[in-house]
Amino acid sequence: AVASKKAEADRFAAQVKPVIAQIRAAGATSLREIARALDARGVRT
């Protein structure tokens, strides 16, 4: 169960990382700004 949960978290992080990179490229510099941008794009945790 622990291994499955870790694998799922890894897959989720891999999927979200490119979106975060795009947000940074658009000018976001702080983690809080990135969090707001993810919410605005409809990306959920």
PDB file of all heavy atoms in Angstrom:
ATOM      1  N   ALA A   1       0.832  -1.207   0.000  1.00  0.00           N
ATOM      2  CA  ALA A   1       0.000   0.000   0.000  1.00  0.00           C
ATOM      3  C   ALA A   1       0.863   1.252   0.000  1.00  0.00           C
ATOM      4  O   ALA A   1       0.567   2.226  -0.706  1.00  0.00           O
ATOM      5  CB  ALA A   1      -0.932  -0.016   1.216  1.00  0.00           C
ATOM      6  N   VAL A   2       1.944   1.232   0.783  1.00  0.00           N
ATOM      7  CA  VAL A   2       2.853   2.380   0.836  1.00  0.00           C
ATOM      8  C   VAL A   2       3.515   2.592  -0.522  1.00  0.00           C
ATOM      9  O   VAL A   2       3.631   3.722  -1.015  1.00  0.00           O
ATOM     10  CB  VAL A   2       3.917   2.167   1.934  1.00  0.00           C
ATOM     11  CG1 VAL A   2       5.004   3.244   1.841  1.00  0.00           C
ATOM     12  CG2 VAL A   2       3.276   2.196   3.313  1.00  0.00           C
ATOM     13  N   ALA A   3       3.960   1.484  -1.139  1.00  0.00           N
ATOM     14  CA  ALA A   3       4.614   1.578  -2.449  1.00  0.00           C
ATOM     15  C   ALA A   3       3.649   2.120  -3.498  1.00  0.00           C
ATOM     16  O   ALA A   3       4.023   2.943  -4.346  1.00  0.00           O
ATOM     17  CB  ALA A   3       5.143   0.208  -2.858  1.00  0.00           C
ATOM     18  N   SER A   4       2.392   1.657  -3.448  1.00  0.00           N
ATOM     19  CA  SER A   4       1.392   2.127  -4.408  1.00  0.00           C
ATOM     20  C   SER A   4       1.109   3.612  -4.230  1.00  0.00           C
ATOM     21  O   SER A   4       0.998   4.361  -5.217  1.00  0.00           O
ATOM     22  CB  SER A   4       0.097   1.320  -4.234  1.00  0.00           C
ATOM     23  OG  SER A   4      -0.917   1.813  -5.073  1.00  0.00           O
ATOM     24  N   LYS A   5       1.025   4.052  -2.980  1.00  0.00           N
ATOM     25  CA  LYS A   5       0.768   5.458  -2.694  1.00  0.00           C
ATOM     26  C   LYS A   5       1.925   6.332  -3.167  1.00  0.00           C
ATOM     27  O   LYS A   5       1.720   7.412  -3.715  1.00  0.00           O
ATOM     28  CB  LYS A   5       0.537   5.643  -1.191  1.00  0.00           C
ATOM     29  CG  LYS A   5       0.088   7.041  -0.805  1.00  0.00           C
ATOM     30  CD  LYS A   5      -0.253   7.115   0.665  1.00  0.00           C
ATOM     31  CE  LYS A   5      -0.728   8.515   1.051  1.00  0.00           C
ATOM     32  NZ  LYS A   5      -1.069   8.600   2.493  1.00  0.00           N
ATOM     33  N   LYS A   6       3.149   5.858  -2.962  1.00  0.00           N
ATOM     34  CA  LYS A   6       4.333   6.603  -3.400  1.00  0.00           C
ATOM     35  C   LYS A   6       4.363   6.721  -4.925  1.00  0.00           C
ATOM     36  O   LYS A   6       4.646   7.785  -5.478  1.00  0.00           O
ATOM     37  CB  LYS A   6       5.604   5.922  -2.908  1.00  0.00           C
ATOM     38  CG  LYS A   6       6.894   6.633  -3.301  1.00  0.00           C
ATOM     39  CD  LYS A   6       8.101   5.900  -2.784  1.00  0.00           C
ATOM     40  CE  LYS A   6       9.375   6.652  -3.139  1.00  0.00           C
ATOM     41  NZ  LYS A   6       9.531   6.796  -4.611  1.00  0.00           N
ATOM     42  N   ALA A   7       4.051   5.604  -5.623  1.00  0.00           N
ATOM     43  CA  ALA A   7       4.058   5.611  -7.082  1.00  0.00           C
ATOM     44  C   ALA A   7       3.008   6.585  -7.621  1.00  0.00           C
ATOM     45  O   ALA A   7       3.253   7.309  -8.594  1.00  0.00           O
ATOM     46  CB  ALA A   7       3.801   4.207  -7.609  1.00  0.00           C
ATOM     47  N   GLU A   8       1.842   6.604  -6.964  1.00  0.00           N
ATOM     48  CA  GLU A   8       0.780   7.517  -7.384  1.00  0.00           C
ATOM     49  C   GLU A   8       1.194   8.970  -7.188  1.00  0.00           C
ATOM     50  O   GLU A   8       0.935   9.831  -8.044  1.00  0.00           O
ATOM     51  CB  GLU A   8      -0.489   7.214  -6.586  1.00  0.00           C
ATOM     52  CG  GLU A   8      -1.690   8.039  -7.012  1.00  0.00           C
ATOM     53  CD  GLU A   8      -2.938   7.703  -6.220  1.00  0.00           C
ATOM     54  OE1 GLU A   8      -2.916   6.666  -5.527  1.00  0.00           O
ATOM     55  OE2 GLU A   8      -3.909   8.462  -6.289  1.00  0.00           O
ATOM     56  N   ALA A   9       1.865   9.253  -6.056  1.00  0.00           N
ATOM     57  CA  ALA A   9       2.339  10.617  -5.798  1.00  0.00           C
ATOM     58  C   ALA A   9       3.409  11.024  -6.800  1.00  0.00           C
ATOM     59  O   ALA A   9       3.456  12.181  -7.251  1.00  0.00           O
ATOM     60  CB  ALA A   9       2.885  10.707  -4.372  1.00  0.00           C
ATOM     61  N   ASP A  10       4.270  10.076  -7.163  1.00  0.00           N
ATOM     62  CA  ASP A  10       5.307  10.368  -8.158  1.00  0.00           C
ATOM     63  C   ASP A  10       4.677  10.699  -9.508  1.00  0.00           C
ATOM     64  O   ASP A  10       5.114  11.628 -10.203  1.00  0.00           O
ATOM     65  CB  ASP A  10       6.253   9.171  -8.301  1.00  0.00           C
ATOM     66  CG  ASP A  10       7.178   9.009  -7.105  1.00  0.00           C
ATOM     67  OD1 ASP A  10       7.336   9.979  -6.335  1.00  0.00           O
ATOM     68  OD2 ASP A  10       7.728   7.907  -6.924  1.00  0.00           O
ATOM     69  N   ARG A  11       3.671   9.936  -9.914  1.00  0.00           N
ATOM     70  CA  ARG A  11       3.009  10.180 -11.203  1.00  0.00           C
ATOM     71  C   ARG A  11       2.332  11.548 -11.212  1.00  0.00           C
ATOM     72  O   ARG A  11       2.410  12.291 -12.200  1.00  0.00           O
ATOM     73  CB  ARG A  11       1.966   9.085 -11.472  1.00  0.00           C
ATOM     74  CG  ARG A  11       2.556   7.752 -11.892  1.00  0.00           C
ATOM     75  CD  ARG A  11       1.481   6.832 -12.463  1.00  0.00           C
ATOM     76  NE  ARG A  11       0.456   6.512 -11.492  1.00  0.00           N
ATOM     77  CZ  ARG A  11       0.521   5.472 -10.655  1.00  0.00           C
ATOM     78  NH1 ARG A  11       1.572   4.654 -10.693  1.00  0.00           N
ATOM     79  NH2 ARG A  11      -0.449   5.238  -9.802  1.00  0.00           N
ATOM     80  N   PHE A  12       1.682  11.886 -10.090  1.00  0.00           N
ATOM     81  CA  PHE A  12       1.005  13.179 -10.004  1.00  0.00           C
ATOM     82  C   PHE A  12       2.013  14.325 -10.109  1.00  0.00           C
ATOM     83  O   PHE A  12       1.775  15.302 -10.827  1.00  0.00           O
ATOM     84  CB  PHE A  12       0.226  13.281  -8.698  1.00  0.00           C
ATOM     85  CG  PHE A  12      -0.509  14.575  -8.523  1.00  0.00           C
ATOM     86  CD1 PHE A  12      -1.695  14.799  -9.193  1.00  0.00           C
ATOM     87  CD2 PHE A  12      -0.006  15.579  -7.712  1.00  0.00           C
ATOM     88  CE1 PHE A  12      -2.378  16.009  -9.053  1.00  0.00           C
ATOM     89  CE2 PHE A  12      -0.672  16.777  -7.565  1.00  0.00           C
ATOM     90  CZ  PHE A  12      -1.869  16.997  -8.239  1.00  0.00           C
ATOM     91  N   ALA A  13       3.130  14.202  -9.394  1.00  0.00           N
ATOM     92  CA  ALA A  13       4.156  15.250  -9.441  1.00  0.00           C
ATOM     93  C   ALA A  13       4.708  15.411 -10.851  1.00  0.00           C
ATOM     94  O   ALA A  13       4.945  16.541 -11.318  1.00  0.00           O
ATOM     95  CB  ALA A  13       5.281  14.913  -8.466  1.00  0.00           C
ATOM     96  N   ALA A  14       4.904  14.286 -11.553  1.00  0.00           N
ATOM     97  CA  ALA A  14       5.424  14.343 -12.917  1.00  0.00           C
ATOM     98  C   ALA A  14       4.444  15.040 -13.860  1.00  0.00           C
ATOM     99  O   ALA A  14       4.848  15.738 -14.802  1.00  0.00           O
ATOM    100  CB  ALA A  14       5.721  12.927 -13.413  1.00  0.00           C
ATOM    101  N   GLN A  15       3.151  14.863 -13.617  1.00  0.00           N
ATOM    102  CA  GLN A  15       2.141  15.487 -14.456  1.00  0.00           C
ATOM    103  C   GLN A  15       2.025  16.996 -14.204  1.00  0.00           C
ATOM    104  O   GLN A  15       1.799  17.784 -15.134  1.00  0.00           O
ATOM    105  CB  GLN A  15       0.780  14.822 -14.209  1.00  0.00           C
ATOM    106  CG  GLN A  15       0.695  13.380 -14.682  1.00  0.00           C
ATOM    107  CD  GLN A  15      -0.566  12.682 -14.216  1.00  0.00           C
ATOM    108  OE1 GLN A  15      -1.350  13.248 -13.452  1.00  0.00           O
ATOM    109  NE2 GLN A  15      -0.771  11.447 -14.665  1.00  0.00           N
ATOM    110  N   VAL A  16       2.168  17.393 -12.944  1.00  0.00           N
ATOM    111  CA  VAL A  16       1.984  18.800 -12.576  1.00  0.00           C
ATOM    112  C   VAL A  16       3.240  19.623 -12.830  1.00  0.00           C
ATOM    113  O   VAL A  16       3.155  20.836 -13.106  1.00  0.00           O
ATOM    114  CB  VAL A  16       1.556  18.914 -11.099  1.00  0.00           C
ATOM    115  CG1 VAL A  16       1.446  20.369 -10.661  1.00  0.00           C
ATOM    116  CG2 VAL A  16       0.227  18.210 -10.877  1.00  0.00           C
ATOM    117  N   LYS A  17       4.413  18.998 -12.781  1.00  0.00           N
ATOM    118  CA  LYS A  17       5.668  19.753 -12.927  1.00  0.00           C
ATOM    119  C   LYS A  17       5.721  20.581 -14.218  1.00  0.00           C
ATOM    120  O   LYS A  17       6.124  21.764 -14.168  1.00  0.00           O
ATOM    121  CB  LYS A  17       6.856  18.783 -12.873  1.00  0.00           C
ATOM    122  CG  LYS A  17       8.219  19.500 -12.951  1.00  0.00           C
ATOM    123  CD  LYS A  17       8.407  20.418 -11.752  1.00  0.00           C
ATOM    124  CE  LYS A  17       9.681  21.260 -11.889  1.00  0.00           C
ATOM    125  NZ  LYS A  17      10.886  20.446 -11.916  1.00  0.00           N
ATOM    126  N   PRO A  18       5.322  20.072 -15.385  1.00  0.00           N
ATOM    127  CA  PRO A  18       5.354  20.902 -16.607  1.00  0.00           C
ATOM    128  C   PRO A  18       4.440  22.129 -16.513  1.00  0.00           C
ATOM    129  O   PRO A  18       4.762  23.196 -17.040  1.00  0.00           O
ATOM    130  CB  PRO A  18       4.869  19.938 -17.699  1.00  0.00           C
ATOM    131  CG  PRO A  18       5.184  18.589 -17.176  1.00  0.00           C
ATOM    132  CD  PRO A  18       4.969  18.676 -15.704  1.00  0.00           C
ATOM    133  N   VAL A  19       3.293  21.967 -15.811  1.00  0.00           N
ATOM    134  CA  VAL A  19       2.378  23.099 -15.640  1.00  0.00           C
ATOM    135  C   VAL A  19       3.036  24.174 -14.782  1.00  0.00           C
ATOM    136  O   VAL A  19       2.942  25.384 -15.065  1.00  0.00           O
ATOM    137  CB  VAL A  19       1.046  22.633 -15.012  1.00  0.00           C
ATOM    138  CG1 VAL A  19       0.089  23.817 -14.877  1.00  0.00           C
ATOM    139  CG2 VAL A  19       0.427  21.526 -15.837  1.00  0.00           C
ATOM    140  N   ILE A  20       3.716  23.734 -13.724  1.00  0.00           N
ATOM    141  CA  ILE A  20       4.420  24.680 -12.855  1.00  0.00           C
ATOM    142  C   ILE A  20       5.516  25.391 -13.641  1.00  0.00           C
ATOM    143  O   ILE A  20       5.734  26.608 -13.488  1.00  0.00           O
ATOM    144  CB  ILE A  20       5.012  23.955 -11.632  1.00  0.00           C
ATOM    145  CG1 ILE A  20       3.872  23.420 -10.741  1.00  0.00           C
ATOM    146  CG2 ILE A  20       5.925  24.883 -10.834  1.00  0.00           C
ATOM    147  CD1 ILE A  20       4.343  22.618  -9.546  1.00  0.00           C
ATOM    148  N   ALA A  21       6.214  24.655 -14.502  1.00  0.00           N
ATOM    149  CA  ALA A  21       7.270  25.260 -15.328  1.00  0.00           C
ATOM    150  C   ALA A  21       6.694  26.339 -16.235  1.00  0.00           C
ATOM    151  O   ALA A  21       7.305  27.415 -16.429  1.00  0.00           O
ATOM    152  CB  ALA A  21       7.962  24.170 -16.147  1.00  0.00           C
ATOM    153  N   GLN A  22       5.500  26.080 -16.800  1.00  0.00           N
ATOM    154  CA  GLN A  22       4.857  27.087 -17.657  1.00  0.00           C
ATOM    155  C   GLN A  22       4.498  28.339 -16.861  1.00  0.00           C
ATOM    156  O   GLN A  22       4.647  29.472 -17.337  1.00  0.00           O
ATOM    157  CB  GLN A  22       3.597  26.485 -18.285  1.00  0.00           C
ATOM    158  CG  GLN A  22       3.850  25.390 -19.314  1.00  0.00           C
ATOM    159  CD  GLN A  22       2.562  24.762 -19.794  1.00  0.00           C
ATOM    160  OE1 GLN A  22       1.463  25.172 -19.391  1.00  0.00           O
ATOM    161  NE2 GLN A  22       2.681  23.741 -20.647  1.00  0.00           N
ATOM    162  N   ILE A  23       3.998  28.113 -15.638  1.00  0.00           N
ATOM    163  CA  ILE A  23       3.614  29.251 -14.789  1.00  0.00           C
ATOM    164  C   ILE A  23       4.842  30.076 -14.432  1.00  0.00           C
ATOM    165  O   ILE A  23       4.804  31.316 -14.421  1.00  0.00           O
ATOM    166  CB  ILE A  23       2.893  28.744 -13.527  1.00  0.00           C
ATOM    167  CG1 ILE A  23       1.545  28.102 -13.908  1.00  0.00           C
ATOM    168  CG2 ILE A  23       2.681  29.876 -12.521  1.00  0.00           C
ATOM    169  CD1 ILE A  23       0.846  27.404 -12.766  1.00  0.00           C
ATOM    170  N   ARG A  24       5.941  29.436 -14.133  1.00  0.00           N
ATOM    171  CA  ARG A  24       7.183  30.150 -13.832  1.00  0.00           C
ATOM    172  C   ARG A  24       7.643  30.936 -15.056  1.00  0.00           C
ATOM    173  O   ARG A  24       8.092  32.087 -14.950  1.00  0.00           O
ATOM    174  CB  ARG A  24       8.276  29.168 -13.390  1.00  0.00           C
ATOM    175  CG  ARG A  24       8.117  28.655 -11.964  1.00  0.00           C
ATOM    176  CD  ARG A  24       9.346  27.886 -11.526  1.00  0.00           C
ATOM    177  NE  ARG A  24       9.223  27.356 -10.179  1.00  0.00           N
ATOM    178  CZ  ARG A  24       9.471  28.061  -9.069  1.00  0.00           C
ATOM    179  NH1 ARG A  24       9.826  29.335  -9.169  1.00  0.00           N
ATOM    180  NH2 ARG A  24       9.351  27.500  -7.881  1.00  0.00           N
ATOM    181  N   ALA A  25       7.528  30.298 -16.219  1.00  0.00           N
ATOM    182  CA  ALA A  25       7.960  30.967 -17.455  1.00  0.00           C
ATOM    183  C   ALA A  25       7.100  32.194 -17.752  1.00  0.00           C
ATOM    184  O   ALA A  25       7.570  33.161 -18.387  1.00  0.00           O
ATOM    185  CB  ALA A  25       7.892  29.982 -18.623  1.00  0.00           C
ATOM    186  N   ALA A  26       5.836  32.157 -17.232  1.00  0.00           N
ATOM    187  CA  ALA A  26       4.942  33.292 -17.459  1.00  0.00           C
ATOM    188  C   ALA A  26       5.215  34.446 -16.508  1.00  0.00           C
ATOM    189  O   ALA A  26       4.593  35.511 -16.624  1.00  0.00           O
ATOM    190  CB  ALA A  26       3.497  32.842 -17.338  1.00  0.00           C
ATOM    191  N   GLY A  27       6.142  34.255 -15.560  1.00  0.00           N
ATOM    192  CA  GLY A  27       6.526  35.364 -14.692  1.00  0.00           C
ATOM    193  C   GLY A  27       6.298  35.157 -13.208  1.00  0.00           C
ATOM    194  O   GLY A  27       6.685  36.012 -12.391  1.00  0.00           O
ATOM    195  N   ALA A  28       5.686  34.048 -12.797  1.00  0.00           N
ATOM    196  CA  ALA A  28       5.471  33.792 -11.370  1.00  0.00           C
ATOM    197  C   ALA A  28       6.812  33.470 -10.710  1.00  0.00           C
ATOM    198  O   ALA A  28       7.596  32.679 -11.226  1.00  0.00           O
ATOM    199  CB  ALA A  28       4.500  32.644 -11.174  1.00  0.00           C
ATOM    200  N   THR A  29       7.087  34.107  -9.575  1.00  0.00           N
ATOM    201  CA  THR A  29       8.379  33.903  -8.913  1.00  0.00           C
ATOM    202  C   THR A  29       8.267  33.246  -7.539  1.00  0.00           C
ATOM    203  O   THR A  29       9.220  32.608  -7.081  1.00  0.00           O
ATOM    204  CB  THR A  29       9.099  35.258  -8.747  1.00  0.00           C
ATOM    205  OG1 THR A  29       8.251  36.152  -8.002  1.00  0.00           O
ATOM    206  CG2 THR A  29       9.423  35.873 -10.095  1.00  0.00           C
ATOM    207  N   SER A  30       7.114  33.372  -6.887  1.00  0.00           N
ATOM    208  CA  SER A  30       6.970  32.796  -5.545  1.00  0.00           C
ATOM    209  C   SER A  30       6.068  31.560  -5.581  1.00  0.00           C
ATOM    210  O   SER A  30       5.256  31.392  -6.502  1.00  0.00           O
ATOM    211  CB  SER A  30       6.380  33.821  -4.576  1.00  0.00           C
ATOM    212  OG  SER A  30       5.007  34.062  -4.872  1.00  0.00           O
ATOM    213  N   LEU A  31       6.237  30.735  -4.581  1.00  0.00           N
ATOM    214  CA  LEU A  31       5.409  29.539  -4.474  1.00  0.00           C
ATOM    215  C   LEU A  31       3.929  29.892  -4.302  1.00  0.00           C
ATOM    216  O   LEU A  31       3.049  29.197  -4.803  1.00  0.00           O
ATOM    217  CB  LEU A  31       5.877  28.679  -3.291  1.00  0.00           C
ATOM    218  CG  LEU A  31       7.289  28.083  -3.408  1.00  0.00           C
ATOM    219  CD1 LEU A  31       7.685  27.392  -2.105  1.00  0.00           C
ATOM    220  CD2 LEU A  31       7.352  27.099  -4.569  1.00  0.00           C
ATOM    221  N   ARG A  32       3.670  30.980  -3.606  1.00  0.00           N
ATOM    222  CA  ARG A  32       2.286  31.398  -3.400  1.00  0.00           C
ATOM    223  C   ARG A  32       1.642  31.829  -4.716  1.00  0.00           C
ATOM    224  O   ARG A  32       0.475  31.504  -4.979  1.00  0.00           O
ATOM    225  CB  ARG A  32       2.257  32.551  -2.397  1.00  0.00           C
ATOM    226  CG  ARG A  32       0.862  32.947  -1.941  1.00  0.00           C
ATOM    227  CD  ARG A  32       0.915  33.902  -0.780  1.00  0.00           C
ATOM    228  NE  ARG A  32       1.531  33.271   0.387  1.00  0.00           N
ATOM    229  CZ  ARG A  32       1.787  33.939   1.509  1.00  0.00           C
ATOM    230  NH1 ARG A  32       1.510  35.234   1.607  1.00  0.00           N
ATOM    231  NH2 ARG A  32       2.337  33.309   2.535  1.00  0.00           N
ATOM    232  N   GLU A  33       2.415  32.519  -5.549  1.00  0.00           N
ATOM    233  CA  GLU A  33       1.896  32.922  -6.856  1.00  0.00           C
ATOM    234  C   GLU A  33       1.611  31.697  -7.729  1.00  0.00           C
ATOM    235  O   GLU A  33       0.604  31.648  -8.442  1.00  0.00           O
ATOM    236  CB  GLU A  33       2.910  33.832  -7.565  1.00  0.00           C
ATOM    237  CG  GLU A  33       3.013  35.223  -6.966  1.00  0.00           C
ATOM    238  CD  GLU A  33       4.099  36.048  -7.622  1.00  0.00           C
ATOM    239  OE1 GLU A  33       5.076  35.462  -8.148  1.00  0.00           O
ATOM    240  OE2 GLU A  33       3.978  37.282  -7.606  1.00  0.00           O
ATOM    241  N   ILE A  34       2.498  30.713  -7.659  1.00  0.00           N
ATOM    242  CA  ILE A  34       2.302  29.486  -8.433  1.00  0.00           C
ATOM    243  C   ILE A  34       1.043  28.758  -7.951  1.00  0.00           C
ATOM    244  O   ILE A  34       0.261  28.235  -8.760  1.00  0.00           O
ATOM    245  CB  ILE A  34       3.531  28.565  -8.315  1.00  0.00           C
ATOM    246  CG1 ILE A  34       4.748  29.231  -8.960  1.00  0.00           C
ATOM    247  CG2 ILE A  34       3.263  27.214  -8.966  1.00  0.00           C
ATOM    248  CD1 ILE A  34       6.052  28.492  -8.723  1.00  0.00           C
ATOM    249  N   ALA A  35       0.833  28.733  -6.639  1.00  0.00           N
ATOM    250  CA  ALA A  35      -0.355  28.087  -6.087  1.00  0.00           C
ATOM    251  C   ALA A  35      -1.620  28.753  -6.595  1.00  0.00           C
ATOM    252  O   ALA A  35      -2.584  28.082  -7.001  1.00  0.00           O
ATOM    253  CB  ALA A  35      -0.308  28.120  -4.559  1.00  0.00           C
ATOM    254  N   ARG A  36      -1.642  30.093  -6.618  1.00  0.00           N
ATOM    255  CA  ARG A  36      -2.816  30.812  -7.114  1.00  0.00           C
ATOM    256  C   ARG A  36      -3.034  30.549  -8.604  1.00  0.00           C
ATOM    257  O   ARG A  36      -4.167  30.399  -9.062  1.00  0.00           O
ATOM    258  CB  ARG A  36      -2.657  32.309  -6.853  1.00  0.00           C
ATOM    259  CG  ARG A  36      -2.845  32.715  -5.393  1.00  0.00           C
ATOM    260  CD  ARG A  36      -3.119  34.206  -5.269  1.00  0.00           C
ATOM    261  NE  ARG A  36      -1.946  34.987  -5.687  1.00  0.00           N
ATOM    262  CZ  ARG A  36      -1.018  35.445  -4.862  1.00  0.00           C
ATOM    263  NH1 ARG A  36      -1.103  35.190  -3.549  1.00  0.00           N
ATOM    264  NH2 ARG A  36       0.003  36.157  -5.307  1.00  0.00           N
ATOM    265  N   ALA A  37      -1.929  30.486  -9.348  1.00  0.00           N
ATOM    266  CA  ALA A  37      -2.041  30.239 -10.786  1.00  0.00           C
ATOM    267  C   ALA A  37      -2.570  28.835 -11.075  1.00  0.00           C
ATOM    268  O   ALA A  37      -3.372  28.637 -12.004  1.00  0.00           O
ATOM    269  CB  ALA A  37      -0.676  30.435 -11.447  1.00  0.00           C
ATOM    270  N   LEU A  38      -2.147  27.849 -10.297  1.00  0.00           N
ATOM    271  CA  LEU A  38      -2.653  26.486 -10.468  1.00  0.00           C
ATOM    272  C   LEU A  38      -4.157  26.437 -10.207  1.00  0.00           C
ATOM    273  O   LEU A  38      -4.911  25.780 -10.945  1.00  0.00           O
ATOM    274  CB  LEU A  38      -1.919  25.533  -9.533  1.00  0.00           C
ATOM    275  CG  LEU A  38      -0.484  25.164  -9.922  1.00  0.00           C
ATOM    276  CD1 LEU A  38       0.212  24.456  -8.774  1.00  0.00           C
ATOM    277  CD2 LEU A  38      -0.471  24.290 -11.175  1.00  0.00           C
ATOM    278  N   ASP A  39      -4.596  27.118  -9.149  1.00  0.00           N
ATOM    279  CA  ASP A  39      -6.028  27.158  -8.842  1.00  0.00           C
ATOM    280  C   ASP A  39      -6.798  27.844  -9.972  1.00  0.00           C
ATOM    281  O   ASP A  39      -7.888  27.397 -10.355  1.00  0.00           O
ATOM    282  CB  ASP A  39      -6.266  27.916  -7.529  1.00  0.00           C
ATOM    283  CG  ASP A  39      -5.799  27.133  -6.307  1.00  0.00           C
ATOM    284  OD1 ASP A  39      -5.733  25.896  -6.397  1.00  0.00           O
ATOM    285  OD2 ASP A  39      -5.520  27.769  -5.268  1.00  0.00           O
ATOM    286  N   ALA A  40      -6.215  28.937 -10.508  1.00  0.00           N
ATOM    287  CA  ALA A  40      -6.887  29.674 -11.583  1.00  0.00           C
ATOM    288  C   ALA A  40      -7.017  28.819 -12.847  1.00  0.00           C
ATOM    289  O   ALA A  40      -7.986  28.961 -13.604  1.00  0.00           O
ATOM    290  CB  ALA A  40      -6.107  30.952 -11.905  1.00  0.00           C
ATOM    291  N   ARG A  41      -6.081  27.930 -13.071  1.00  0.00           N
ATOM    292  CA  ARG A  41      -6.124  27.057 -14.246  1.00  0.00           C
ATOM    293  C   ARG A  41      -7.011  25.824 -14.027  1.00  0.00           C
ATOM    294  O   ARG A  41      -7.183  25.004 -14.924  1.00  0.00           O
ATOM    295  CB  ARG A  41      -4.720  26.582 -14.605  1.00  0.00           C
ATOM    296  CG  ARG A  41      -3.804  27.710 -15.095  1.00  0.00           C
ATOM    297  CD  ARG A  41      -2.522  27.143 -15.624  1.00  0.00           C
ATOM    298  NE  ARG A  41      -1.610  28.203 -16.084  1.00  0.00           N
ATOM    299  CZ  ARG A  41      -0.620  28.008 -16.946  1.00  0.00           C
ATOM    300  NH1 ARG A  41      -0.409  26.793 -17.450  1.00  0.00           N
ATOM    301  NH2 ARG A  41       0.168  29.007 -17.317  1.00  0.00           N
ATOM    302  N   GLY A  42      -7.552  25.694 -12.834  1.00  0.00           N
ATOM    303  CA  GLY A  42      -8.417  24.562 -12.551  1.00  0.00           C
ATOM    304  C   GLY A  42      -7.673  23.286 -12.210  1.00  0.00           C
ATOM    305  O   GLY A  42      -8.264  22.200 -12.182  1.00  0.00           O
ATOM    306  N   VAL A  43      -6.368  23.413 -11.922  1.00  0.00           N
ATOM    307  CA  VAL A  43      -5.577  22.248 -11.524  1.00  0.00           C
ATOM    308  C   VAL A  43      -5.783  22.018 -10.027  1.00  0.00           C
ATOM    309  O   VAL A  43      -5.587  22.937  -9.232  1.00  0.00           O
ATOM    310  CB  VAL A  43      -4.083  22.458 -11.843  1.00  0.00           C
ATOM    311  CG1 VAL A  43      -3.285  21.227 -11.399  1.00  0.00           C
ATOM    312  CG2 VAL A  43      -3.884  22.732 -13.322  1.00  0.00           C
ATOM    313  N   ARG A  44      -6.168  20.835  -9.664  1.00  0.00           N
ATOM    314  CA  ARG A  44      -6.401  20.523  -8.266  1.00  0.00           C
ATOM    315  C   ARG A  44      -5.248  19.705  -7.693  1.00  0.00           C
ATOM    316  O   ARG A  44      -4.473  19.088  -8.431  1.00  0.00           O
ATOM    317  CB  ARG A  44      -7.717  19.742  -8.097  1.00  0.00           C
ATOM    318  CG  ARG A  44      -8.943  20.589  -8.390  1.00  0.00           C
ATOM    319  CD  ARG A  44      -9.111  21.647  -7.298  1.00  0.00           C
ATOM    320  NE  ARG A  44     -10.253  22.506  -7.548  1.00  0.00           N
ATOM    321  CZ  ARG A  44     -10.172  23.748  -8.002  1.00  0.00           C
ATOM    322  NH1 ARG A  44      -8.982  24.264  -8.274  1.00  0.00           N
ATOM    323  NH2 ARG A  44     -11.249  24.475  -8.171  1.00  0.00           N
ATOM    324  N   THR A  45      -5.129  19.722  -6.380  1.00  0.00           N
ATOM    325  CA  THR A  45      -4.105  18.916  -5.718  1.00  0.00           C
ATOM    326  C   THR A  45      -4.457  17.437  -5.868  1.00  0.00           C
ATOM    327  O   THR A  45      -5.538  17.090  -6.371  1.00  0.00           O
ATOM    328  CB  THR A  45      -4.011  19.262  -4.227  1.00  0.00           C
ATOM    329  OG1 THR A  45      -5.255  18.905  -3.596  1.00  0.00           O
ATOM    330  CG2 THR A  45      -3.747  20.740  -4.030  1.00  0.00           C
TER     331      THR A  45
END
